[in-house]
């Protein structure tokens, strides 16, 4: 193999090795946290990207839910120390509340 061919092989191998890194960082998904404590969702407003997940964790002694106003998601009953994860696939806004304590409200904006 001559020098030129070796260089082409080296460049091609390096570029091929970098491809998974480029594609995985372009499609990286993030997990966000919403804590339920003091009869409130923290944060009350969250902006995420389509494909991201949100973990809802109840730190109160009382049971809570995180239930979308439009019914598109519902964590079900979360007792103290329990968590559940919801993944958001499309761009839109969601307002949600606690079924046990309807005055608890928050929102998630998915872009």
C-alpha atoms as a PDB file:
ATOM      1  CA  UNK A   1       0.000   0.000   0.000  1.00  0.00           C
ATOM      2  CA  UNK A   2       1.446   3.433  -0.879  1.00  0.00           C
ATOM      3  CA  UNK A   3       1.412   6.530   1.402  1.00  0.00           C
ATOM      4  CA  UNK A   4      -1.613   8.055  -0.265  1.00  0.00           C
ATOM      5  CA  UNK A   5      -3.727   4.934   0.258  1.00  0.00           C
ATOM      6  CA  UNK A   6      -2.717   4.668   3.925  1.00  0.00           C
ATOM      7  CA  UNK A   7      -3.725   8.280   4.495  1.00  0.00           C
ATOM      8  CA  UNK A   8      -7.102   7.708   2.875  1.00  0.00           C
ATOM      9  CA  UNK A   9      -7.658   4.633   5.050  1.00  0.00           C
ATOM     10  CA  UNK A  10      -6.683   6.567   8.193  1.00  0.00           C
ATOM     11  CA  UNK A  11      -9.026   9.469   7.356  1.00  0.00           C
ATOM     12  CA  UNK A  12     -11.877   7.090   6.518  1.00  0.00           C
ATOM     13  CA  UNK A  13     -11.392   5.101   9.727  1.00  0.00           C
ATOM     14  CA  UNK A  14     -11.277   8.246  11.863  1.00  0.00           C
ATOM     15  CA  UNK A  15     -14.415   9.649  10.245  1.00  0.00           C
ATOM     16  CA  UNK A  16     -16.262   6.345  10.669  1.00  0.00           C
ATOM     17  CA  UNK A  17     -15.282   6.162  14.340  1.00  0.00           C
ATOM     18  CA  UNK A  18     -16.598   9.693  14.942  1.00  0.00           C
ATOM     19  CA  UNK A  19     -20.000   9.028  13.363  1.00  0.00           C
ATOM     20  CA  UNK A  20     -21.606   7.321  16.392  1.00  0.00           C
ATOM     21  CA  UNK A  21     -20.466  10.181  18.598  1.00  0.00           C
ATOM     22  CA  UNK A  22     -22.002  12.740  16.308  1.00  0.00           C
ATOM     23  CA  UNK A  23     -25.287  10.925  15.911  1.00  0.00           C
ATOM     24  CA  UNK A  24     -25.683  10.075  19.597  1.00  0.00           C
ATOM     25  CA  UNK A  25     -25.042  13.635  20.740  1.00  0.00           C
ATOM     26  CA  UNK A  26     -27.500  14.972  18.156  1.00  0.00           C
ATOM     27  CA  UNK A  27     -30.237  12.683  19.490  1.00  0.00           C
ATOM     28  CA  UNK A  28     -29.302  12.780  23.180  1.00  0.00           C
ATOM     29  CA  UNK A  29     -32.305  12.582  25.452  1.00  0.00           C
ATOM     30  CA  UNK A  30     -32.436  14.186  28.871  1.00  0.00           C
ATOM     31  CA  UNK A  31     -34.180  13.118  32.049  1.00  0.00           C
ATOM     32  CA  UNK A  32     -35.675  15.967  34.088  1.00  0.00           C
ATOM     33  CA  UNK A  33     -36.850  15.900  37.697  1.00  0.00           C
ATOM     34  CA  UNK A  34     -40.100  17.213  39.163  1.00  0.00           C
ATOM     35  CA  UNK A  35     -40.307  16.976  42.935  1.00  0.00           C
ATOM     36  CA  UNK A  36     -43.629  17.003  44.742  1.00  0.00           C
ATOM     37  CA  UNK A  37     -43.253  18.544  48.190  1.00  0.00           C
ATOM     38  CA  UNK A  38     -45.057  21.080  50.313  1.00  0.00           C
ATOM     39  CA  UNK A  39     -48.186  20.353  48.258  1.00  0.00           C
ATOM     40  CA  UNK A  40     -46.512  21.825  45.167  1.00  0.00           C
ATOM     41  CA  UNK A  41     -44.696  20.693  42.025  1.00  0.00           C
ATOM     42  CA  UNK A  42     -41.091  21.905  41.764  1.00  0.00           C
ATOM     43  CA  UNK A  43     -40.457  23.356  39.278  1.00  0.00           C
ATOM     44  CA  UNK A  44     -43.913  24.663  38.433  1.00  0.00           C
ATOM     45  CA  UNK A  45     -42.848  25.311  34.840  1.00  0.00           C
ATOM     46  CA  UNK A  46     -40.487  23.095  32.847  1.00  0.00           C
ATOM     47  CA  UNK A  47     -39.223  23.358  29.253  1.00  0.00           C
ATOM     48  CA  UNK A  48     -37.951  20.167  27.642  1.00  0.00           C
ATOM     49  CA  UNK A  49     -37.220  18.709  24.209  1.00  0.00           C
ATOM     50  CA  UNK A  50     -39.324  16.043  22.479  1.00  0.00           C
ATOM     51  CA  UNK A  51     -38.008  12.639  23.491  1.00  0.00           C
ATOM     52  CA  UNK A  52     -37.011  13.799  26.979  1.00  0.00           C
ATOM     53  CA  UNK A  53     -38.385  12.162  30.109  1.00  0.00           C
ATOM     54  CA  UNK A  54     -39.626  13.628  33.371  1.00  0.00           C
ATOM     55  CA  UNK A  55     -39.332  11.744  36.664  1.00  0.00           C
ATOM     56  CA  UNK A  56     -42.044  12.747  39.148  1.00  0.00           C
ATOM     57  CA  UNK A  57     -41.069  12.009  42.782  1.00  0.00           C
ATOM     58  CA  UNK A  58     -43.355  12.474  45.775  1.00  0.00           C
ATOM     59  CA  UNK A  59     -41.561  13.733  48.894  1.00  0.00           C
ATOM     60  CA  UNK A  60     -44.769  14.605  50.780  1.00  0.00           C
ATOM     61  CA  UNK A  61     -46.491  12.416  53.364  1.00  0.00           C
ATOM     62  CA  UNK A  62     -49.745  12.746  51.390  1.00  0.00           C
ATOM     63  CA  UNK A  63     -50.366  10.856  48.123  1.00  0.00           C
ATOM     64  CA  UNK A  64     -50.240  12.835  44.873  1.00  0.00           C
ATOM     65  CA  UNK A  65     -50.596  12.423  41.120  1.00  0.00           C
ATOM     66  CA  UNK A  66     -49.345  14.369  38.141  1.00  0.00           C
ATOM     67  CA  UNK A  67     -52.279  14.295  35.734  1.00  0.00           C
ATOM     68  CA  UNK A  68     -52.437  16.159  32.424  1.00  0.00           C
ATOM     69  CA  UNK A  69     -55.450  18.439  32.035  1.00  0.00           C
ATOM     70  CA  UNK A  70     -56.138  16.774  28.672  1.00  0.00           C
ATOM     71  CA  UNK A  71     -55.654  13.247  30.064  1.00  0.00           C
ATOM     72  CA  UNK A  72     -52.577  12.520  27.939  1.00  0.00           C
ATOM     73  CA  UNK A  73     -50.554  11.364  30.949  1.00  0.00           C
ATOM     74  CA  UNK A  74     -51.231  10.357  34.527  1.00  0.00           C
ATOM     75  CA  UNK A  75     -48.623   9.111  36.979  1.00  0.00           C
ATOM     76  CA  UNK A  76     -51.230   7.359  39.066  1.00  0.00           C
ATOM     77  CA  UNK A  77     -51.062   7.533  42.851  1.00  0.00           C
ATOM     78  CA  UNK A  78     -47.583   8.295  44.151  1.00  0.00           C
ATOM     79  CA  UNK A  79     -47.094   7.723  47.860  1.00  0.00           C
ATOM     80  CA  UNK A  80     -44.139   9.196  49.765  1.00  0.00           C
ATOM     81  CA  UNK A  81     -40.863   8.119  48.187  1.00  0.00           C
ATOM     82  CA  UNK A  82     -42.453   6.784  44.999  1.00  0.00           C
ATOM     83  CA  UNK A  83     -41.472   7.953  41.512  1.00  0.00           C
ATOM     84  CA  UNK A  84     -42.643   7.399  37.989  1.00  0.00           C
ATOM     85  CA  UNK A  85     -41.262   8.471  34.628  1.00  0.00           C
ATOM     86  CA  UNK A  86     -43.172   9.998  31.720  1.00  0.00           C
ATOM     87  CA  UNK A  87     -41.563  10.385  28.270  1.00  0.00           C
ATOM     88  CA  UNK A  88     -42.793  13.201  26.023  1.00  0.00           C
ATOM     89  CA  UNK A  89     -42.569  12.427  22.298  1.00  0.00           C
ATOM     90  CA  UNK A  90     -44.136  15.420  20.569  1.00  0.00           C
ATOM     91  CA  UNK A  91     -43.892  19.181  20.699  1.00  0.00           C
ATOM     92  CA  UNK A  92     -46.750  20.752  22.647  1.00  0.00           C
ATOM     93  CA  UNK A  93     -47.607  22.253  26.026  1.00  0.00           C
ATOM     94  CA  UNK A  94     -49.091  20.333  28.928  1.00  0.00           C
ATOM     95  CA  UNK A  95     -50.793  21.727  31.998  1.00  0.00           C
ATOM     96  CA  UNK A  96     -51.129  19.231  34.818  1.00  0.00           C
ATOM     97  CA  UNK A  97     -52.480  18.963  38.361  1.00  0.00           C
ATOM     98  CA  UNK A  98     -52.807  16.568  41.313  1.00  0.00           C
ATOM     99  CA  UNK A  99     -56.065  14.595  41.318  1.00  0.00           C
ATOM    100  CA  UNK A 100     -56.083  14.550  45.142  1.00  0.00           C
ATOM    101  CA  UNK A 101     -55.255  18.261  45.472  1.00  0.00           C
ATOM    102  CA  UNK A 102     -56.535  20.081  42.345  1.00  0.00           C
ATOM    103  CA  UNK A 103     -55.052  23.386  43.505  1.00  0.00           C
ATOM    104  CA  UNK A 104     -51.597  21.915  42.793  1.00  0.00           C
ATOM    105  CA  UNK A 105     -50.828  22.922  39.204  1.00  0.00           C
ATOM    106  CA  UNK A 106     -47.802  23.069  36.911  1.00  0.00           C
ATOM    107  CA  UNK A 107     -46.866  22.924  33.227  1.00  0.00           C
ATOM    108  CA  UNK A 108     -44.420  21.326  30.807  1.00  0.00           C
ATOM    109  CA  UNK A 109     -43.538  22.858  27.433  1.00  0.00           C
ATOM    110  CA  UNK A 110     -42.113  20.384  24.923  1.00  0.00           C
ATOM    111  CA  UNK A 111     -40.303  21.720  21.857  1.00  0.00           C
END
